[in-house]
Amino acid sequence: ALDKTLRDLQLDYIDLYLIHWPVRMKKGSVGRKVENIVPSNIPNT
């Protein structure tokens, strides 16, 4: 995900990278529907 962001922004590094929300959603899902929300593991992330 960071590599894609760096490609999009055409940068070699980012000054600050944040976990946007403490919620995990299914890979490839779109939107914020409840069926897309799965248990998170913030320590591993």
All heavy atoms as atom14 arrays in JSON, in Angstrom:
{
  "sequence": "ALDKTLRDLQLDYIDLYLIHWPVRMKKGSVGRKVENIVPSNIPNT",
  "atom14_mask": [
    [1, 1, 1, 1, 1, 0, 0, 0, 0, 0, 0, 0, 0, 0],
    [1, 1, 1, 1, 1, 1, 1, 1, 0, 0, 0, 0, 0, 0],
    [1, 1, 1, 1, 1, 1, 1, 1, 0, 0, 0, 0, 0, 0],
    [1, 1, 1, 1, 1, 1, 1, 1, 1, 0, 0, 0, 0, 0],
    [1, 1, 1, 1, 1, 1, 1, 0, 0, 0, 0, 0, 0, 0],
    [1, 1, 1, 1, 1, 1, 1, 1, 0, 0, 0, 0, 0, 0],
    [1, 1, 1, 1, 1, 1, 1, 1, 1, 1, 1, 0, 0, 0],
    [1, 1, 1, 1, 1, 1, 1, 1, 0, 0, 0, 0, 0, 0],
    [1, 1, 1, 1, 1, 1, 1, 1, 0, 0, 0, 0, 0, 0],
    [1, 1, 1, 1, 1, 1, 1, 1, 1, 0, 0, 0, 0, 0],
    [1, 1, 1, 1, 1, 1, 1, 1, 0, 0, 0, 0, 0, 0],
    [1, 1, 1, 1, 1, 1, 1, 1, 0, 0, 0, 0, 0, 0],
    [1, 1, 1, 1, 1, 1, 1, 1, 1, 1, 1, 1, 0, 0],
    [1, 1, 1, 1, 1, 1, 1, 1, 0, 0, 0, 0, 0, 0],
    [1, 1, 1, 1, 1, 1, 1, 1, 0, 0, 0, 0, 0, 0],
    [1, 1, 1, 1, 1, 1, 1, 1, 0, 0, 0, 0, 0, 0],
    [1, 1, 1, 1, 1, 1, 1, 1, 1, 1, 1, 1, 0, 0],
    [1, 1, 1, 1, 1, 1, 1, 1, 0, 0, 0, 0, 0, 0],
    [1, 1, 1, 1, 1, 1, 1, 1, 0, 0, 0, 0, 0, 0],
    [1, 1, 1, 1, 1, 1, 1, 1, 1, 1, 0, 0, 0, 0],
    [1, 1, 1, 1, 1, 1, 1, 1, 1, 1, 1, 1, 1, 1],
    [1, 1, 1, 1, 1, 1, 1, 0, 0, 0, 0, 0, 0, 0],
    [1, 1, 1, 1, 1, 1, 1, 0, 0, 0, 0, 0, 0, 0],
    [1, 1, 1, 1, 1, 1, 1, 1, 1, 1, 1, 0, 0, 0],
    [1, 1, 1, 1, 1, 1, 1, 1, 0, 0, 0, 0, 0, 0],
    [1, 1, 1, 1, 1, 1, 1, 1, 1, 0, 0, 0, 0, 0],
    [1, 1, 1, 1, 1, 1, 1, 1, 1, 0, 0, 0, 0, 0],
    [1, 1, 1, 1, 0, 0, 0, 0, 0, 0, 0, 0, 0, 0],
    [1, 1, 1, 1, 1, 1, 0, 0, 0, 0, 0, 0, 0, 0],
    [1, 1, 1, 1, 1, 1, 1, 0, 0, 0, 0, 0, 0, 0],
    [1, 1, 1, 1, 0, 0, 0, 0, 0, 0, 0, 0, 0, 0],
    [1, 1, 1, 1, 1, 1, 1, 1, 1, 1, 1, 0, 0, 0],
    [1, 1, 1, 1, 1, 1, 1, 1, 1, 0, 0, 0, 0, 0],
    [1, 1, 1, 1, 1, 1, 1, 0, 0, 0, 0, 0, 0, 0],
    [1, 1, 1, 1, 1, 1, 1, 1, 1, 0, 0, 0, 0, 0],
    [1, 1, 1, 1, 1, 1, 1, 1, 0, 0, 0, 0, 0, 0],
    [1, 1, 1, 1, 1, 1, 1, 1, 0, 0, 0, 0, 0, 0],
    [1, 1, 1, 1, 1, 1, 1, 0, 0, 0, 0, 0, 0, 0],
    [1, 1, 1, 1, 1, 1, 1, 0, 0, 0, 0, 0, 0, 0],
    [1, 1, 1, 1, 1, 1, 0, 0, 0, 0, 0, 0, 0, 0],
    [1, 1, 1, 1, 1, 1, 1, 1, 0, 0, 0, 0, 0, 0],
    [1, 1, 1, 1, 1, 1, 1, 1, 0, 0, 0, 0, 0, 0],
    [1, 1, 1, 1, 1, 1, 1, 0, 0, 0, 0, 0, 0, 0],
    [1, 1, 1, 1, 1, 1, 1, 1, 0, 0, 0, 0, 0, 0],
    [1, 1, 1, 1, 1, 1, 1, 0, 0, 0, 0, 0, 0, 0]
  ],
  "atom14_positions": [
    [[0.83, -1.21, 0.0], [0.0, 0.0, 0.0], [0.86, 1.25, 0.0], [0.57, 2.23, -0.72], [-0.93, -0.01, 1.21], [0.0, 0.0, 0.0], [0.0, 0.0, 0.0], [0.0, 0.0, 0.0], [0.0, 0.0, 0.0], [0.0, 0.0, 0.0], [0.0, 0.0, 0.0], [0.0, 0.0, 0.0], [0.0, 0.0, 0.0], [0.0, 0.0, 0.0]],
    [[1.93, 1.25, 0.8], [2.8, 2.43, 0.82], [3.51, 2.59, -0.51], [3.65, 3.71, -1.02], [3.82, 2.33, 1.95], [4.82, 3.5, 1.98], [4.11, 4.84, 2.15], [5.84, 3.32, 3.09], [0.0, 0.0, 0.0], [0.0, 0.0, 0.0], [0.0, 0.0, 0.0], [0.0, 0.0, 0.0], [0.0, 0.0, 0.0], [0.0, 0.0, 0.0]],
    [[3.96, 1.48, -1.09], [4.64, 1.58, -2.39], [3.71, 2.18, -3.44], [4.15, 2.99, -4.27], [5.12, 0.19, -2.84], [6.35, -0.28, -2.09], [7.02, 0.56, -1.46], [6.65, -1.49, -2.13], [0.0, 0.0, 0.0], [0.0, 0.0, 0.0], [0.0, 0.0, 0.0], [0.0, 0.0, 0.0], [0.0, 0.0, 0.0], [0.0, 0.0, 0.0]],
    [[2.43, 1.81, -3.42], [1.47, 2.39, -4.36], [1.31, 3.89, -4.1], [1.28, 4.7, -5.05], [0.11, 1.71, -4.27], [-0.9, 2.25, -5.28], [-2.24, 1.57, -5.17], [-3.18, 2.01, -6.3], [-3.3, 3.47, -6.43], [0.0, 0.0, 0.0], [0.0, 0.0, 0.0], [0.0, 0.0, 0.0], [0.0, 0.0, 0.0], [0.0, 0.0, 0.0]],
    [[1.23, 4.27, -2.84], [1.12, 5.68, -2.49], [2.34, 6.45, -2.97], [2.21, 7.54, -3.53], [0.94, 5.84, -0.97], [-0.42, 5.52, -0.63], [1.22, 7.26, -0.51], [0.0, 0.0, 0.0], [0.0, 0.0, 0.0], [0.0, 0.0, 0.0], [0.0, 0.0, 0.0], [0.0, 0.0, 0.0], [0.0, 0.0, 0.0], [0.0, 0.0, 0.0]],
    [[3.52, 5.88, -2.79], [4.75, 6.55, -3.23], [4.78, 6.68, -4.75], [5.21, 7.72, -5.28], [5.98, 5.8, -2.73], [6.22, 5.85, -1.22], [7.4, 4.96, -0.84], [6.49, 7.27, -0.74], [0.0, 0.0, 0.0], [0.0, 0.0, 0.0], [0.0, 0.0, 0.0], [0.0, 0.0, 0.0], [0.0, 0.0, 0.0], [0.0, 0.0, 0.0]],
    [[4.32, 5.64, -5.45], [4.25, 5.74, -6.92], [3.27, 6.82, -7.35], [3.56, 7.63, -8.23], [3.84, 4.39, -7.52], [4.9, 3.31, -7.48], [4.56, 2.15, -8.39], [3.27, 1.53, -8.07], [3.1, 0.55, -7.21], [4.14, 0.07, -6.55], [1.9, 0.04, -7.0], [0.0, 0.0, 0.0], [0.0, 0.0, 0.0], [0.0, 0.0, 0.0]],
    [[2.1, 6.83, -6.71], [1.09, 7.83, -7.07], [1.58, 9.25, -6.8], [1.36, 10.16, -7.6], [-0.2, 7.58, -6.29], [-0.96, 6.34, -6.78], [-0.61, 5.82, -7.86], [-1.89, 5.91, -6.07], [0.0, 0.0, 0.0], [0.0, 0.0, 0.0], [0.0, 0.0, 0.0], [0.0, 0.0, 0.0], [0.0, 0.0, 0.0], [0.0, 0.0, 0.0]],
    [[2.23, 9.43, -5.66], [2.72, 10.76, -5.28], [4.06, 11.1, -5.93], [4.54, 12.23, -5.79], [2.84, 10.85, -3.76], [1.52, 10.81, -2.97], [1.8, 10.75, -1.46], [0.64, 12.0, -3.31], [0.0, 0.0, 0.0], [0.0, 0.0, 0.0], [0.0, 0.0, 0.0], [0.0, 0.0, 0.0], [0.0, 0.0, 0.0], [0.0, 0.0, 0.0]],
    [[4.67, 10.12, -6.6], [5.97, 10.29, -7.26], [7.04, 10.75, -6.27], [7.81, 11.68, -6.54], [5.85, 11.26, -8.45], [4.85, 10.78, -9.5], [4.84, 11.63, -10.76], [5.91, 11.92, -11.3], [3.67, 12.02, -11.24], [0.0, 0.0, 0.0], [0.0, 0.0, 0.0], [0.0, 0.0, 0.0], [0.0, 0.0, 0.0], [0.0, 0.0, 0.0]],
    [[7.07, 10.05, -5.13], [8.02, 10.36, -4.06], [8.83, 9.13, -3.7], [8.41, 7.99, -3.92], [7.26, 10.85, -2.81], [6.39, 12.1, -2.96], [5.65, 12.36, -1.65], [7.24, 13.31, -3.34], [0.0, 0.0, 0.0], [0.0, 0.0, 0.0], [0.0, 0.0, 0.0], [0.0, 0.0, 0.0], [0.0, 0.0, 0.0], [0.0, 0.0, 0.0]],
    [[10.01, 9.37, -3.12], [10.84, 8.28, -2.63], [10.53, 7.92, -1.19], [10.83, 6.82, -0.74], [12.33, 8.65, -2.74], [12.78, 8.85, -4.17], [12.29, 8.11, -5.06], [13.6, 9.75, -4.43], [0.0, 0.0, 0.0], [0.0, 0.0, 0.0], [0.0, 0.0, 0.0], [0.0, 0.0, 0.0], [0.0, 0.0, 0.0], [0.0, 0.0, 0.0]],
    [[9.96, 8.86, -0.47], [9.6, 8.63, 0.93], [8.42, 9.49, 1.3], [8.11, 10.48, 0.62], [10.79, 8.94, 1.86], [11.16, 10.41, 1.92], [10.59, 11.26, 2.87], [12.07, 10.94, 1.02], [10.92, 12.61, 2.92], [12.41, 12.3, 1.05], [11.83, 13.12, 2.0], [12.14, 14.45, 2.05], [0.0, 0.0, 0.0], [0.0, 0.0, 0.0]],
    [[7.76, 9.12, 2.37], [6.65, 9.9, 2.92], [7.1, 10.42, 4.28], [7.83, 9.74, 5.0], [5.38, 9.01, 3.04], [4.11, 9.85, 2.93], [5.37, 8.2, 4.3], [3.72, 10.12, 1.52], [0.0, 0.0, 0.0], [0.0, 0.0, 0.0], [0.0, 0.0, 0.0], [0.0, 0.0, 0.0], [0.0, 0.0, 0.0], [0.0, 0.0, 0.0]],
    [[6.72, 11.63, 4.62], [7.15, 12.19, 5.91], [6.39, 11.57, 7.07], [6.94, 11.41, 8.17], [6.96, 13.71, 5.91], [7.86, 14.38, 4.9], [9.03, 14.63, 5.23], [7.41, 14.63, 3.77], [0.0, 0.0, 0.0], [0.0, 0.0, 0.0], [0.0, 0.0, 0.0], [0.0, 0.0, 0.0], [0.0, 0.0, 0.0], [0.0, 0.0, 0.0]],
    [[5.12, 11.21, 6.83], [4.3, 10.63, 7.9], [3.28, 9.69, 7.26], [2.57, 10.08, 6.33], [3.58, 11.74, 8.66], [2.59, 11.33, 9.75], [3.31, 10.56, 10.88], [1.87, 12.55, 10.33], [0.0, 0.0, 0.0], [0.0, 0.0, 0.0], [0.0, 0.0, 0.0], [0.0, 0.0, 0.0], [0.0, 0.0, 0.0], [0.0, 0.0, 0.0]],
    [[3.22, 8.45, 7.78], [2.27, 7.46, 7.28], [1.42, 7.0, 8.45], [1.94, 6.56, 9.47], [3.02, 6.28, 6.66], [2.19, 5.42, 5.73], [1.36, 5.99, 4.77], [2.26, 4.03, 5.8], [0.62, 5.21, 3.9], [1.52, 3.23, 4.94], [0.7, 3.83, 3.98], [-0.05, 3.04, 3.12], [0.0, 0.0, 0.0], [0.0, 0.0, 0.0]],
    [[0.1, 7.12, 8.28], [-0.83, 6.85, 9.37], [-1.73, 5.66, 9.06], [-2.13, 5.46, 7.91], [-1.73, 8.07, 9.61], [-1.07, 9.43, 9.83], [-2.15, 10.51, 9.93], [-0.22, 9.41, 11.08], [0.0, 0.0, 0.0], [0.0, 0.0, 0.0], [0.0, 0.0, 0.0], [0.0, 0.0, 0.0], [0.0, 0.0, 0.0], [0.0, 0.0, 0.0]],
    [[-2.08, 4.89, 10.1], [-3.19, 3.96, 9.98], [-4.46, 4.81, 10.02], [-4.73, 5.47, 11.02], [-3.19, 2.93, 11.13], [-1.93, 2.05, 11.07], [-4.45, 2.06, 11.07], [-1.84, 1.05, 12.23], [0.0, 0.0, 0.0], [0.0, 0.0, 0.0], [0.0, 0.0, 0.0], [0.0, 0.0, 0.0], [0.0, 0.0, 0.0], [0.0, 0.0, 0.0]],
    [[-5.23, 4.79, 8.94], [-6.33, 5.74, 8.78], [-7.43, 5.55, 9.83], [-7.95, 6.52, 10.37], [-6.92, 5.59, 7.37], [-7.62, 6.81, 6.89], [-7.68, 7.17, 5.56], [-8.3, 7.79, 7.54], [-8.35, 8.29, 5.42], [-8.74, 8.69, 6.61], [0.0, 0.0, 0.0], [0.0, 0.0, 0.0], [0.0, 0.0, 0.0], [0.0, 0.0, 0.0]],
    [[-7.8, 4.31, 10.09], [-8.82, 3.98, 11.1], [-8.44, 2.67, 11.79], [-7.84, 1.8, 11.16], [-10.2, 3.79, 10.45], [-10.95, 5.03, 10.13], [-10.92, 5.72, 8.95], [-11.85, 5.75, 10.98], [-11.74, 6.82, 9.02], [-12.32, 6.85, 10.25], [-12.29, 5.56, 12.29], [-13.23, 7.77, 10.79], [-13.2, 6.47, 12.82], [-13.66, 7.56, 12.07]],
    [[-8.8, 2.5, 13.05], [-8.52, 1.23, 13.74], [-9.56, 0.16, 13.42], [-10.04, -0.56, 14.3], [-8.56, 1.63, 15.22], [-9.55, 2.73, 15.27], [-9.37, 3.5, 13.98], [0.0, 0.0, 0.0], [0.0, 0.0, 0.0], [0.0, 0.0, 0.0], [0.0, 0.0, 0.0], [0.0, 0.0, 0.0], [0.0, 0.0, 0.0], [0.0, 0.0, 0.0]],
    [[-9.95, 0.1, 12.16], [-10.95, -0.86, 11.67], [-10.37, -1.56, 10.46], [-9.77, -0.92, 9.58], [-12.26, -0.15, 11.26], [-13.25, -1.15, 10.69], [-12.87, 0.59, 12.44], [0.0, 0.0, 0.0], [0.0, 0.0, 0.0], [0.0, 0.0, 0.0], [0.0, 0.0, 0.0], [0.0, 0.0, 0.0], [0.0, 0.0, 0.0], [0.0, 0.0, 0.0]],
    [[-10.54, -2.89, 10.39], [-10.07, -3.63, 9.23], [-11.25, -4.05, 8.37], [-12.3, -4.45, 8.89], [-9.29, -4.88, 9.68], [-8.69, -5.66, 8.52], [-7.87, -6.84, 9.02], [-7.35, -7.62, 7.92], [-6.63, -8.73, 8.07], [-6.35, -9.18, 9.29], [-6.21, -9.4, 7.01], [0.0, 0.0, 0.0], [0.0, 0.0, 0.0], [0.0, 0.0, 0.0]],
    [[-11.08, -3.95, 7.06], [-12.11, -4.36, 6.11], [-11.54, -5.39, 5.15], [-10.32, -5.47, 4.95], [-12.64, -3.15, 5.34], [-13.36, -2.14, 6.22], [-14.05, -0.77, 5.27], [-14.8, 0.19, 6.59], [0.0, 0.0, 0.0], [0.0, 0.0, 0.0], [0.0, 0.0, 0.0], [0.0, 0.0, 0.0], [0.0, 0.0, 0.0], [0.0, 0.0, 0.0]],
    [[-12.42, -6.17, 4.56], [-12.01, -7.22, 3.65], [-11.19, -6.66, 2.5], [-11.5, -5.6, 1.96], [-13.23, -7.94, 3.08], [-14.03, -8.73, 4.1], [-15.27, -9.34, 3.44], [-16.12, -10.07, 4.47], [-17.37, -10.59, 3.84], [0.0, 0.0, 0.0], [0.0, 0.0, 0.0], [0.0, 0.0, 0.0], [0.0, 0.0, 0.0], [0.0, 0.0, 0.0]],
    [[-10.14, -7.36, 2.15], [-9.29, -6.95, 1.04], [-10.11, -6.81, -0.23], [-10.88, -7.71, -0.59], [-8.16, -7.97, 0.83], [-7.18, -7.61, -0.26], [-6.34, -6.41, 0.13], [-5.28, -6.11, -0.93], [-4.51, -4.88, -0.6], [0.0, 0.0, 0.0], [0.0, 0.0, 0.0], [0.0, 0.0, 0.0], [0.0, 0.0, 0.0], [0.0, 0.0, 0.0]],
    [[-9.95, -5.68, -0.89], [-10.66, -5.46, -2.14], [-12.07, -4.96, -2.0], [-12.72, -4.65, -3.0], [0.0, 0.0, 0.0], [0.0, 0.0, 0.0], [0.0, 0.0, 0.0], [0.0, 0.0, 0.0], [0.0, 0.0, 0.0], [0.0, 0.0, 0.0], [0.0, 0.0, 0.0], [0.0, 0.0, 0.0], [0.0, 0.0, 0.0], [0.0, 0.0, 0.0]],
    [[-12.59, -4.85, -0.77], [-13.96, -4.39, -0.58], [-14.05, -2.89, -0.81], [-13.07, -2.15, -0.67], [-14.47, -4.75, 0.82], [-13.72, -4.08, 1.82], [0.0, 0.0, 0.0], [0.0, 0.0, 0.0], [0.0, 0.0, 0.0], [0.0, 0.0, 0.0], [0.0, 0.0, 0.0], [0.0, 0.0, 0.0], [0.0, 0.0, 0.0], [0.0, 0.0, 0.0]],
    [[-15.23, -2.45, -1.16], [-15.47, -1.04, -1.42], [-16.62, -0.56, -0.53], [-17.62, -1.26, -0.36], [-15.83, -0.79, -2.9], [-16.12, 0.68, -3.15], [-14.71, -1.28, -3.8], [0.0, 0.0, 0.0], [0.0, 0.0, 0.0], [0.0, 0.0, 0.0], [0.0, 0.0, 0.0], [0.0, 0.0, 0.0], [0.0, 0.0, 0.0], [0.0, 0.0, 0.0]],
    [[-16.47, 0.6, 0.05], [-17.51, 1.13, 0.92], [-17.32, 0.7, 2.36], [-16.38, -0.02, 2.7], [0.0, 0.0, 0.0], [0.0, 0.0, 0.0], [0.0, 0.0, 0.0], [0.0, 0.0, 0.0], [0.0, 0.0, 0.0], [0.0, 0.0, 0.0], [0.0, 0.0, 0.0], [0.0, 0.0, 0.0], [0.0, 0.0, 0.0], [0.0, 0.0, 0.0]],
    [[-18.27, 1.12, 3.21], [-18.15, 0.88, 4.64], [-19.29, 0.03, 5.17], [-19.77, 0.22, 6.27], [-18.1, 2.22, 5.38], [-17.01, 3.15, 4.85], [-16.96, 4.46, 5.58], [-16.04, 5.39, 4.93], [-15.75, 6.58, 5.41], [-16.31, 7.01, 6.53], [-14.92, 7.38, 4.78], [0.0, 0.0, 0.0], [0.0, 0.0, 0.0], [0.0, 0.0, 0.0]],
    [[-19.74, -0.92, 4.34], [-20.83, -1.79, 4.74], [-20.37, -2.74, 5.84], [-19.22, -3.17, 5.87], [-21.34, -2.58, 3.54], [-21.91, -1.7, 2.43], [-22.35, -2.52, 1.24], [-22.91, -1.64, 0.13], [-23.29, -2.43, -1.07], [0.0, 0.0, 0.0], [0.0, 0.0, 0.0], [0.0, 0.0, 0.0], [0.0, 0.0, 0.0], [0.0, 0.0, 0.0]],
    [[-21.29, -3.11, 6.73], [-20.94, -3.93, 7.86], [-20.38, -5.28, 7.44], [-19.5, -5.84, 8.1], [-22.16, -4.11, 8.8], [-23.29, -4.86, 8.11], [-21.76, -4.81, 10.09], [0.0, 0.0, 0.0], [0.0, 0.0, 0.0], [0.0, 0.0, 0.0], [0.0, 0.0, 0.0], [0.0, 0.0, 0.0], [0.0, 0.0, 0.0], [0.0, 0.0, 0.0]],
    [[-20.85, -5.8, 6.31], [-20.36, -7.12, 5.88], [-18.9, -7.08, 5.45], [-18.25, -8.12, 5.31], [-21.22, -7.68, 4.75], [-21.33, -6.79, 3.53], [-22.58, -5.93, 3.56], [-23.05, -5.59, 4.67], [-23.09, -5.6, 2.47], [0.0, 0.0, 0.0], [0.0, 0.0, 0.0], [0.0, 0.0, 0.0], [0.0, 0.0, 0.0], [0.0, 0.0, 0.0]],
    [[-18.37, -5.88, 5.23], [-16.95, -5.75, 4.85], [-16.03, -5.65, 6.06], [-14.81, -5.77, 5.93], [-16.75, -4.52, 3.97], [-17.43, -4.64, 2.63], [-17.64, -5.74, 2.14], [-17.77, -3.51, 2.02], [0.0, 0.0, 0.0], [0.0, 0.0, 0.0], [0.0, 0.0, 0.0], [0.0, 0.0, 0.0], [0.0, 0.0, 0.0], [0.0, 0.0, 0.0]],
    [[-16.59, -5.4, 7.24], [-15.77, -5.22, 8.44], [-15.4, -6.56, 9.03], [-16.25, -7.44, 9.21], [-16.52, -4.38, 9.49], [-16.88, -3.01, 8.92], [-15.67, -4.22, 10.76], [-17.72, -2.15, 9.84], [0.0, 0.0, 0.0], [0.0, 0.0, 0.0], [0.0, 0.0, 0.0], [0.0, 0.0, 0.0], [0.0, 0.0, 0.0], [0.0, 0.0, 0.0]],
    [[-14.11, -6.75, 9.3], [-13.61, -7.99, 9.9], [-12.78, -7.63, 11.13], [-12.35, -6.49, 11.29], [-12.76, -8.8, 8.89], [-13.61, -9.27, 7.72], [-11.58, -7.97, 8.39], [0.0, 0.0, 0.0], [0.0, 0.0, 0.0], [0.0, 0.0, 0.0], [0.0, 0.0, 0.0], [0.0, 0.0, 0.0], [0.0, 0.0, 0.0], [0.0, 0.0, 0.0]],
    [[-12.57, -8.59, 12.04], [-11.77, -8.3, 13.24], [-10.37, -7.79, 12.87], [-9.75, -8.28, 11.93], [-11.7, -9.67, 13.94], [-12.93, -10.38, 13.49], [-13.11, -9.96, 12.06], [0.0, 0.0, 0.0], [0.0, 0.0, 0.0], [0.0, 0.0, 0.0], [0.0, 0.0, 0.0], [0.0, 0.0, 0.0], [0.0, 0.0, 0.0], [0.0, 0.0, 0.0]],
    [[-9.93, -6.81, 13.61], [-8.61, -6.22, 13.34], [-7.55, -6.81, 14.25], [-7.84, -7.41, 15.28], [-8.66, -4.71, 13.53], [-8.94, -4.39, 14.88], [0.0, 0.0, 0.0], [0.0, 0.0, 0.0], [0.0, 0.0, 0.0], [0.0, 0.0, 0.0], [0.0, 0.0, 0.0], [0.0, 0.0, 0.0], [0.0, 0.0, 0.0], [0.0, 0.0, 0.0]],
    [[-6.31, -6.64, 13.83], [-5.15, -7.01, 14.66], [-4.15, -5.87, 14.53], [-3.19, -5.95, 13.76], [-4.55, -8.34, 14.2], [-3.49, -8.85, 15.18], [-2.78, -8.07, 15.8], [-3.39, -10.17, 15.31], [0.0, 0.0, 0.0], [0.0, 0.0, 0.0], [0.0, 0.0, 0.0], [0.0, 0.0, 0.0], [0.0, 0.0, 0.0], [0.0, 0.0, 0.0]],
    [[-4.42, -4.8, 15.26], [-3.6, -3.6, 15.15], [-2.12, -3.87, 15.47], [-1.23, -3.34, 14.78], [-4.16, -2.47, 16.03], [-5.56, -2.05, 15.53], [-3.23, -1.27, 16.03], [-5.6, -1.52, 14.12], [0.0, 0.0, 0.0], [0.0, 0.0, 0.0], [0.0, 0.0, 0.0], [0.0, 0.0, 0.0], [0.0, 0.0, 0.0], [0.0, 0.0, 0.0]],
    [[-1.79, -4.69, 16.49], [-0.38, -4.95, 16.75], [0.36, -5.53, 15.54], [1.51, -5.12, 15.25], [-0.41, -5.93, 17.91], [-1.66, -5.59, 18.65], [-2.65, -5.25, 17.56], [0.0, 0.0, 0.0], [0.0, 0.0, 0.0], [0.0, 0.0, 0.0], [0.0, 0.0, 0.0], [0.0, 0.0, 0.0], [0.0, 0.0, 0.0], [0.0, 0.0, 0.0]],
    [[-0.27, -6.44, 14.81], [0.38, -7.01, 13.62], [0.52, -5.97, 12.51], [1.55, -5.9, 11.83], [-0.41, -8.22, 13.11], [-0.13, -9.47, 13.92], [0.73, -9.48, 14.79], [-0.87, -10.53, 13.64], [0.0, 0.0, 0.0], [0.0, 0.0, 0.0], [0.0, 0.0, 0.0], [0.0, 0.0, 0.0], [0.0, 0.0, 0.0], [0.0, 0.0, 0.0]],
    [[-0.51, -5.17, 12.33], [-0.44, -4.1, 11.34], [0.67, -3.12, 11.71], [1.43, -2.66, 10.85], [-1.79, -3.36, 11.23], [-2.81, -4.3, 10.91], [-1.74, -2.28, 10.18], [0.0, 0.0, 0.0], [0.0, 0.0, 0.0], [0.0, 0.0, 0.0], [0.0, 0.0, 0.0], [0.0, 0.0, 0.0], [0.0, 0.0, 0.0], [0.0, 0.0, 0.0]]
  ]
}
